[in-house]
Structure formats: C-alpha cells, structure tokens
Amino acid sequence: MSSPNNVVIDGVVYVPQHEIKPLSDELTQDVLKQLVSMRYFNEQHKMKRQAWDIINKISPSVAKLSEEDAYKLFHQED
C-alpha cells in the first residue's frame, strides 16, 4: 500500500510510528472528565482545542501531526 506520506529508502517503505498510551485508570478518568465537561458546557468554540488536548493526553505523537495528516493516518483508503 503506497501513500504520499511514505518515505522509501532503498526500496524499504518507512512510515511514521506513533505510540498510543494504554488507558490507565488515571488517564481514563482524566479523558472522561474532559469529555463530560465538553458536553456539559457545550462551548462549541472551544471543542476543537479540547479534543486536541484529549488526543495529546492519549498520544502526543499523533497530536503533533497536522489535522489532515492525523486524519489520513487513521482513515487510510483501501
């Protein structure tokens, strides 16, 4: 499977590696707290940043990607 974001060196395809932290009780509680607050306060103008904060807590390497690159990482075409 080729992608415009792949790097090929000597015929070997290199793709970005991303770590997704295991959902510990503490991380799960923190993420759920933020999600519940987003729904409760319903501040649409803040939700994009709040969603990024949650992604950053779970996987900082994914959060560093631009939104378009992160979207493509998880929604690759078959």
PDB file of N, CA and C in Angstrom:
ATOM      1  N   MET A   1       0.860  -1.177   0.000  1.00  0.00           N
ATOM      2  CA  MET A   1       0.000   0.000   0.000  1.00  0.00           C
ATOM      3  C   MET A   1       0.898   1.229   0.000  1.00  0.00           C
ATOM      4  N   SER A   2       0.754   2.094  -0.999  1.00  0.00           N
ATOM      5  CA  SER A   2       1.560   3.306  -1.039  1.00  0.00           C
ATOM      6  C   SER A   2       0.719   4.497  -0.621  1.00  0.00           C
ATOM      7  N   SER A   3       1.406   5.489  -0.126  1.00  0.00           N
ATOM      8  CA  SER A   3       0.754   6.699   0.357  1.00  0.00           C
ATOM      9  C   SER A   3       1.678   7.862   0.061  1.00  0.00           C
ATOM     10  N   PRO A   4       1.134   9.056  -0.203  1.00  0.00           N
ATOM     11  CA  PRO A   4       2.003  10.202  -0.465  1.00  0.00           C
ATOM     12  C   PRO A   4       2.846  10.580   0.752  1.00  0.00           C
ATOM     13  N   ASN A   5       2.526  10.037   1.932  1.00  0.00           N
ATOM     14  CA  ASN A   5       3.267  10.365   3.147  1.00  0.00           C
ATOM     15  C   ASN A   5       4.359   9.351   3.463  1.00  0.00           C
ATOM     16  N   ASN A   6       4.488   8.292   2.662  1.00  0.00           N
ATOM     17  CA  ASN A   6       5.520   7.288   2.896  1.00  0.00           C
ATOM     18  C   ASN A   6       6.861   7.797   2.403  1.00  0.00           C
ATOM     19  N   VAL A   7       7.914   7.350   3.064  1.00  0.00           N
ATOM     20  CA  VAL A   7       9.278   7.627   2.639  1.00  0.00           C
ATOM     21  C   VAL A   7       9.875   6.291   2.228  1.00  0.00           C
ATOM     22  N   VAL A   8      10.453   6.243   1.025  1.00  0.00           N
ATOM     23  CA  VAL A   8      11.042   4.999   0.536  1.00  0.00           C
ATOM     24  C   VAL A   8      12.546   5.200   0.409  1.00  0.00           C
ATOM     25  N   ILE A   9      13.325   4.357   1.117  1.00  0.00           N
ATOM     26  CA  ILE A   9      14.781   4.409   1.048  1.00  0.00           C
ATOM     27  C   ILE A   9      15.257   3.010   0.684  1.00  0.00           C
ATOM     28  N   ASP A  10      15.976   2.924  -0.434  1.00  0.00           N
ATOM     29  CA  ASP A  10      16.466   1.625  -0.921  1.00  0.00           C
ATOM     30  C   ASP A  10      15.352   0.590  -1.000  1.00  0.00           C
ATOM     31  N   GLY A  11      14.186   1.010  -1.439  1.00  0.00           N
ATOM     32  CA  GLY A  11      13.068   0.100  -1.620  1.00  0.00           C
ATOM     33  C   GLY A  11      12.323  -0.271  -0.349  1.00  0.00           C
ATOM     34  N   VAL A  12      12.742   0.279   0.795  1.00  0.00           N
ATOM     35  CA  VAL A  12      12.071  -0.001   2.069  1.00  0.00           C
ATOM     36  C   VAL A  12      11.163   1.174   2.401  1.00  0.00           C
ATOM     37  N   VAL A  13       9.880   0.880   2.643  1.00  0.00           N
ATOM     38  CA  VAL A  13       8.909   1.925   2.963  1.00  0.00           C
ATOM     39  C   VAL A  13       8.953   2.198   4.464  1.00  0.00           C
ATOM     40  N   TYR A  14       9.174   3.445   4.812  1.00  0.00           N
ATOM     41  CA  TYR A  14       9.170   3.860   6.214  1.00  0.00           C
ATOM     42  C   TYR A  14       7.906   4.665   6.466  1.00  0.00           C
ATOM     43  N   VAL A  15       7.229   4.358   7.541  1.00  0.00           N
ATOM     44  CA  VAL A  15       6.010   5.085   7.898  1.00  0.00           C
ATOM     45  C   VAL A  15       6.173   5.637   9.304  1.00  0.00           C
ATOM     46  N   PRO A  16       5.482   6.732   9.618  1.00  0.00           N
ATOM     47  CA  PRO A  16       5.584   7.293  10.965  1.00  0.00           C
ATOM     48  C   PRO A  16       5.126   6.284  12.015  1.00  0.00           C
ATOM     49  N   GLN A  17       5.814   6.232  13.119  1.00  0.00           N
ATOM     50  CA  GLN A  17       5.439   5.369  14.234  1.00  0.00           C
ATOM     51  C   GLN A  17       4.802   6.233  15.315  1.00  0.00           C
ATOM     52  N   HIS A  18       3.730   5.766  15.885  1.00  0.00           N
ATOM     53  CA  HIS A  18       3.020   6.529  16.904  1.00  0.00           C
ATOM     54  C   HIS A  18       2.721   5.640  18.092  1.00  0.00           C
ATOM     55  N   GLU A  19       2.957   6.188  19.252  1.00  0.00           N
ATOM     56  CA  GLU A  19       2.662   5.450  20.472  1.00  0.00           C
ATOM     57  C   GLU A  19       1.318   5.911  21.006  1.00  0.00           C
ATOM     58  N   ILE A  20       0.468   4.964  21.319  1.00  0.00           N
ATOM     59  CA  ILE A  20      -0.803   5.275  21.963  1.00  0.00           C
ATOM     60  C   ILE A  20      -0.741   4.660  23.346  1.00  0.00           C
ATOM     61  N   LYS A  21      -0.822   5.526  24.343  1.00  0.00           N
ATOM     62  CA  LYS A  21      -0.688   5.069  25.723  1.00  0.00           C
ATOM     63  C   LYS A  21      -1.821   4.122  26.099  1.00  0.00           C
ATOM     64  N   PRO A  22      -1.520   3.097  26.899  1.00  0.00           N
ATOM     65  CA  PRO A  22      -2.599   2.249  27.410  1.00  0.00           C
ATOM     66  C   PRO A  22      -3.504   3.085  28.314  1.00  0.00           C
ATOM     67  N   LEU A  23      -4.777   2.812  28.270  1.00  0.00           N
ATOM     68  CA  LEU A  23      -5.713   3.600  29.066  1.00  0.00           C
ATOM     69  C   LEU A  23      -5.698   3.129  30.515  1.00  0.00           C
ATOM     70  N   SER A  24      -4.864   3.789  31.306  1.00  0.00           N
ATOM     71  CA  SER A  24      -4.828   3.508  32.739  1.00  0.00           C
ATOM     72  C   SER A  24      -6.069   4.121  33.376  1.00  0.00           C
ATOM     73  N   ASP A  25      -6.342   3.749  34.601  1.00  0.00           N
ATOM     74  CA  ASP A  25      -7.492   4.322  35.306  1.00  0.00           C
ATOM     75  C   ASP A  25      -7.375   5.838  35.395  1.00  0.00           C
ATOM     76  N   GLU A  26      -6.165   6.332  35.676  1.00  0.00           N
ATOM     77  CA  GLU A  26      -5.959   7.774  35.808  1.00  0.00           C
ATOM     78  C   GLU A  26      -6.184   8.490  34.477  1.00  0.00           C
ATOM     79  N   LEU A  27      -5.607   7.955  33.407  1.00  0.00           N
ATOM     80  CA  LEU A  27      -5.779   8.557  32.085  1.00  0.00           C
ATOM     81  C   LEU A  27      -7.240   8.490  31.652  1.00  0.00           C
ATOM     82  N   THR A  28      -7.883   7.357  31.864  1.00  0.00           N
ATOM     83  CA  THR A  28      -9.293   7.208  31.502  1.00  0.00           C
ATOM     84  C   THR A  28     -10.151   8.210  32.256  1.00  0.00           C
ATOM     85  N   GLN A  29      -9.923   8.358  33.542  1.00  0.00           N
ATOM     86  CA  GLN A  29     -10.692   9.320  34.347  1.00  0.00           C
ATOM     87  C   GLN A  29     -10.488  10.738  33.836  1.00  0.00           C
ATOM     88  N   ASP A  30      -9.242  11.093  33.521  1.00  0.00           N
ATOM     89  CA  ASP A  30      -8.944  12.441  33.044  1.00  0.00           C
ATOM     90  C   ASP A  30      -9.617  12.712  31.703  1.00  0.00           C
ATOM     91  N   VAL A  31      -9.528  11.747  30.788  1.00  0.00           N
ATOM     92  CA  VAL A  31     -10.145  11.900  29.467  1.00  0.00           C
ATOM     93  C   VAL A  31     -11.667  11.979  29.596  1.00  0.00           C
ATOM     94  N   LEU A  32     -12.256  11.106  30.396  1.00  0.00           N
ATOM     95  CA  LEU A  32     -13.713  11.143  30.594  1.00  0.00           C
ATOM     96  C   LEU A  32     -14.153  12.461  31.222  1.00  0.00           C
ATOM     97  N   LYS A  33     -13.390  12.963  32.160  1.00  0.00           N
ATOM     98  CA  LYS A  33     -13.699  14.250  32.799  1.00  0.00           C
ATOM     99  C   LYS A  33     -13.748  15.361  31.747  1.00  0.00           C
ATOM    100  N   GLN A  34     -12.755  15.379  30.855  1.00  0.00           N
ATOM    101  CA  GLN A  34     -12.733  16.400  29.807  1.00  0.00           C
ATOM    102  C   GLN A  34     -13.895  16.235  28.834  1.00  0.00           C
ATOM    103  N   LEU A  35     -14.196  15.001  28.445  1.00  0.00           N
ATOM    104  CA  LEU A  35     -15.306  14.771  27.513  1.00  0.00           C
ATOM    105  C   LEU A  35     -16.650  15.164  28.125  1.00  0.00           C
ATOM    106  N   VAL A  36     -16.865  14.818  29.389  1.00  0.00           N
ATOM    107  CA  VAL A  36     -18.117  15.180  30.065  1.00  0.00           C
ATOM    108  C   VAL A  36     -18.233  16.700  30.167  1.00  0.00           C
ATOM    109  N   SER A  37     -17.131  17.375  30.470  1.00  0.00           N
ATOM    110  CA  SER A  37     -17.149  18.842  30.544  1.00  0.00           C
ATOM    111  C   SER A  37     -17.493  19.457  29.193  1.00  0.00           C
ATOM    112  N   MET A  38     -16.944  18.881  28.124  1.00  0.00           N
ATOM    113  CA  MET A  38     -17.243  19.394  26.789  1.00  0.00           C
ATOM    114  C   MET A  38     -18.739  19.315  26.503  1.00  0.00           C
ATOM    115  N   ARG A  39     -19.346  18.184  26.847  1.00  0.00           N
ATOM    116  CA  ARG A  39     -20.790  18.023  26.608  1.00  0.00           C
ATOM    117  C   ARG A  39     -21.605  18.911  27.533  1.00  0.00           C
ATOM    118  N   TYR A  40     -21.209  19.025  28.785  1.00  0.00           N
ATOM    119  CA  TYR A  40     -21.976  19.784  29.767  1.00  0.00           C
ATOM    120  C   TYR A  40     -21.988  21.271  29.426  1.00  0.00           C
ATOM    121  N   PHE A  41     -20.800  21.835  29.154  1.00  0.00           N
ATOM    122  CA  PHE A  41     -20.716  23.274  28.897  1.00  0.00           C
ATOM    123  C   PHE A  41     -21.077  23.631  27.458  1.00  0.00           C
ATOM    124  N   ASN A  42     -20.955  22.679  26.520  1.00  0.00           N
ATOM    125  CA  ASN A  42     -21.352  22.866  25.119  1.00  0.00           C
ATOM    126  C   ASN A  42     -20.812  24.165  24.523  1.00  0.00           C
ATOM    127  N   GLU A  43     -19.547  24.438  24.766  1.00  0.00           N
ATOM    128  CA  GLU A  43     -18.911  25.634  24.215  1.00  0.00           C
ATOM    129  C   GLU A  43     -18.260  25.258  22.881  1.00  0.00           C
ATOM    130  N   GLN A  44     -19.039  25.362  21.824  1.00  0.00           N
ATOM    131  CA  GLN A  44     -18.611  24.915  20.501  1.00  0.00           C
ATOM    132  C   GLN A  44     -17.269  25.516  20.087  1.00  0.00           C
ATOM    133  N   HIS A  45     -17.048  26.774  20.437  1.00  0.00           N
ATOM    134  CA  HIS A  45     -15.828  27.454  20.019  1.00  0.00           C
ATOM    135  C   HIS A  45     -14.579  26.892  20.706  1.00  0.00           C
ATOM    136  N   LYS A  46     -14.730  26.129  21.774  1.00  0.00           N
ATOM    137  CA  LYS A  46     -13.591  25.563  22.496  1.00  0.00           C
ATOM    138  C   LYS A  46     -13.375  24.077  22.207  1.00  0.00           C
ATOM    139  N   MET A  47     -14.334  23.426  21.572  1.00  0.00           N
ATOM    140  CA  MET A  47     -14.289  21.967  21.452  1.00  0.00           C
ATOM    141  C   MET A  47     -13.137  21.453  20.603  1.00  0.00           C
ATOM    142  N   LYS A  48     -12.747  22.173  19.575  1.00  0.00           N
ATOM    143  CA  LYS A  48     -11.644  21.705  18.737  1.00  0.00           C
ATOM    144  C   LYS A  48     -10.358  21.636  19.558  1.00  0.00           C
ATOM    145  N   ARG A  49     -10.094  22.652  20.338  1.00  0.00           N
ATOM    146  CA  ARG A  49      -8.897  22.665  21.181  1.00  0.00           C
ATOM    147  C   ARG A  49      -9.001  21.603  22.285  1.00  0.00           C
ATOM    148  N   GLN A  50     -10.163  21.457  22.868  1.00  0.00           N
ATOM    149  CA  GLN A  50     -10.337  20.457  23.920  1.00  0.00           C
ATOM    150  C   GLN A  50     -10.135  19.047  23.371  1.00  0.00           C
ATOM    151  N   ALA A  51     -10.623  18.804  22.165  1.00  0.00           N
ATOM    152  CA  ALA A  51     -10.425  17.489  21.542  1.00  0.00           C
ATOM    153  C   ALA A  51      -8.936  17.244  21.303  1.00  0.00           C
ATOM    154  N   TRP A  52      -8.209  18.284  20.864  1.00  0.00           N
ATOM    155  CA  TRP A  52      -6.766  18.152  20.665  1.00  0.00           C
ATOM    156  C   TRP A  52      -6.081  17.834  21.990  1.00  0.00           C
ATOM    157  N   ASP A  53      -6.497  18.471  23.074  1.00  0.00           N
ATOM    158  CA  ASP A  53      -5.917  18.200  24.395  1.00  0.00           C
ATOM    159  C   ASP A  53      -6.097  16.733  24.781  1.00  0.00           C
ATOM    160  N   ILE A  54      -7.264  16.183  24.487  1.00  0.00           N
ATOM    161  CA  ILE A  54      -7.530  14.776  24.808  1.00  0.00           C
ATOM    162  C   ILE A  54      -6.642  13.860  23.962  1.00  0.00           C
ATOM    163  N   ILE A  55      -6.544  14.147  22.664  1.00  0.00           N
ATOM    164  CA  ILE A  55      -5.670  13.355  21.794  1.00  0.00           C
ATOM    165  C   ILE A  55      -4.230  13.432  22.297  1.00  0.00           C
ATOM    166  N   ASN A  56      -3.799  14.615  22.709  1.00  0.00           N
ATOM    167  CA  ASN A  56      -2.440  14.808  23.207  1.00  0.00           C
ATOM    168  C   ASN A  56      -2.179  13.985  24.465  1.00  0.00           C
ATOM    169  N   LYS A  57      -3.169  13.852  25.320  1.00  0.00           N
ATOM    170  CA  LYS A  57      -3.007  13.037  26.533  1.00  0.00           C
ATOM    171  C   LYS A  57      -2.835  11.560  26.185  1.00  0.00           C
ATOM    172  N   ILE A  58      -3.565  11.099  25.180  1.00  0.00           N
ATOM    173  CA  ILE A  58      -3.525   9.687  24.802  1.00  0.00           C
ATOM    174  C   ILE A  58      -2.305   9.380  23.933  1.00  0.00           C
ATOM    175  N   SER A  59      -1.992  10.275  22.983  1.00  0.00           N
ATOM    176  CA  SER A  59      -0.872  10.032  22.070  1.00  0.00           C
ATOM    177  C   SER A  59      -0.270  11.355  21.606  1.00  0.00           C
ATOM    178  N   PRO A  60       0.741  11.858  22.319  1.00  0.00           N
ATOM    179  CA  PRO A  60       1.363  13.123  21.926  1.00  0.00           C
ATOM    180  C   PRO A  60       1.900  13.114  20.496  1.00  0.00           C
ATOM    181  N   SER A  61       2.385  11.970  20.023  1.00  0.00           N
ATOM    182  CA  SER A  61       2.927  11.931  18.664  1.00  0.00           C
ATOM    183  C   SER A  61       1.837  12.143  17.617  1.00  0.00           C
ATOM    184  N   VAL A  62       0.635  11.652  17.872  1.00  0.00           N
ATOM    185  CA  VAL A  62      -0.476  11.884  16.944  1.00  0.00           C
ATOM    186  C   VAL A  62      -0.906  13.347  17.013  1.00  0.00           C
ATOM    187  N   ALA A  63      -0.905  13.918  18.203  1.00  0.00           N
ATOM    188  CA  ALA A  63      -1.313  15.313  18.358  1.00  0.00           C
ATOM    189  C   ALA A  63      -0.383  16.260  17.616  1.00  0.00           C
ATOM    190  N   LYS A  64       0.883  15.874  17.477  1.00  0.00           N
ATOM    191  CA  LYS A  64       1.843  16.737  16.788  1.00  0.00           C
ATOM    192  C   LYS A  64       1.606  16.796  15.281  1.00  0.00           C
ATOM    193  N   LEU A  65       0.959  15.785  14.751  1.00  0.00           N
ATOM    194  CA  LEU A  65       0.666  15.794  13.316  1.00  0.00           C
ATOM    195  C   LEU A  65      -0.349  16.890  13.006  1.00  0.00           C
ATOM    196  N   SER A  66      -0.292  17.386  11.801  1.00  0.00           N
ATOM    197  CA  SER A  66      -1.355  18.308  11.417  1.00  0.00           C
ATOM    198  C   SER A  66      -2.660  17.534  11.378  1.00  0.00           C
ATOM    199  N   GLU A  67      -3.771  18.216  11.479  1.00  0.00           N
ATOM    200  CA  GLU A  67      -5.063  17.529  11.490  1.00  0.00           C
ATOM    201  C   GLU A  67      -5.244  16.666  10.254  1.00  0.00           C
ATOM    202  N   GLU A  68      -4.841  17.160   9.118  1.00  0.00           N
ATOM    203  CA  GLU A  68      -5.027  16.401   7.882  1.00  0.00           C
ATOM    204  C   GLU A  68      -4.195  15.126   7.896  1.00  0.00           C
ATOM    205  N   ASP A  69      -2.937  15.222   8.340  1.00  0.00           N
ATOM    206  CA  ASP A  69      -2.084  14.040   8.384  1.00  0.00           C
ATOM    207  C   ASP A  69      -2.598  13.033   9.401  1.00  0.00           C
ATOM    208  N   ALA A  70      -3.059  13.501  10.551  1.00  0.00           N
ATOM    209  CA  ALA A  70      -3.593  12.594  11.568  1.00  0.00           C
ATOM    210  C   ALA A  70      -4.854  11.912  11.043  1.00  0.00           C
ATOM    211  N   TYR A  71      -5.692  12.650  10.348  1.00  0.00           N
ATOM    212  CA  TYR A  71      -6.907  12.058   9.781  1.00  0.00           C
ATOM    213  C   TYR A  71      -6.534  10.951   8.799  1.00  0.00           C
ATOM    214  N   LYS A  72      -5.572  11.237   7.926  1.00  0.00           N
ATOM    215  CA  LYS A  72      -5.159  10.242   6.927  1.00  0.00           C
ATOM    216  C   LYS A  72      -4.549   9.013   7.588  1.00  0.00           C
ATOM    217  N   LEU A  73      -3.855   9.202   8.713  1.00  0.00           N
ATOM    218  CA  LEU A  73      -3.242   8.075   9.411  1.00  0.00           C
ATOM    219  C   LEU A  73      -4.285   7.058   9.847  1.00  0.00           C
ATOM    220  N   PHE A  74      -5.422   7.527  10.330  1.00  0.00           N
ATOM    221  CA  PHE A  74      -6.446   6.631  10.857  1.00  0.00           C
ATOM    222  C   PHE A  74      -7.557   6.307   9.861  1.00  0.00           C
ATOM    223  N   HIS A  75      -7.584   6.989   8.714  1.00  0.00           N
ATOM    224  CA  HIS A  75      -8.632   6.752   7.720  1.00  0.00           C
ATOM    225  C   HIS A  75      -8.009   6.501   6.346  1.00  0.00           C
ATOM    226  N   GLN A  76      -7.097   5.565   6.278  1.00  0.00           N
ATOM    227  CA  GLN A  76      -6.448   5.260   5.007  1.00  0.00           C
ATOM    228  C   GLN A  76      -7.434   4.590   4.066  1.00  0.00           C
ATOM    229  N   GLU A  77      -7.315   4.967   2.798  1.00  0.00           N
ATOM    230  CA  GLU A  77      -8.170   4.337   1.786  1.00  0.00           C
ATOM    231  C   GLU A  77      -7.652   2.946   1.492  1.00  0.00           C
ATOM    232  N   ASP A  78      -8.561   2.038   1.266  1.00  0.00           N
ATOM    233  CA  ASP A  78      -8.160   0.655   0.956  1.00  0.00           C
ATOM    234  C   ASP A  78      -7.823   0.513  -0.502  1.00  0.00           C
TER     235      ASP A  78
END
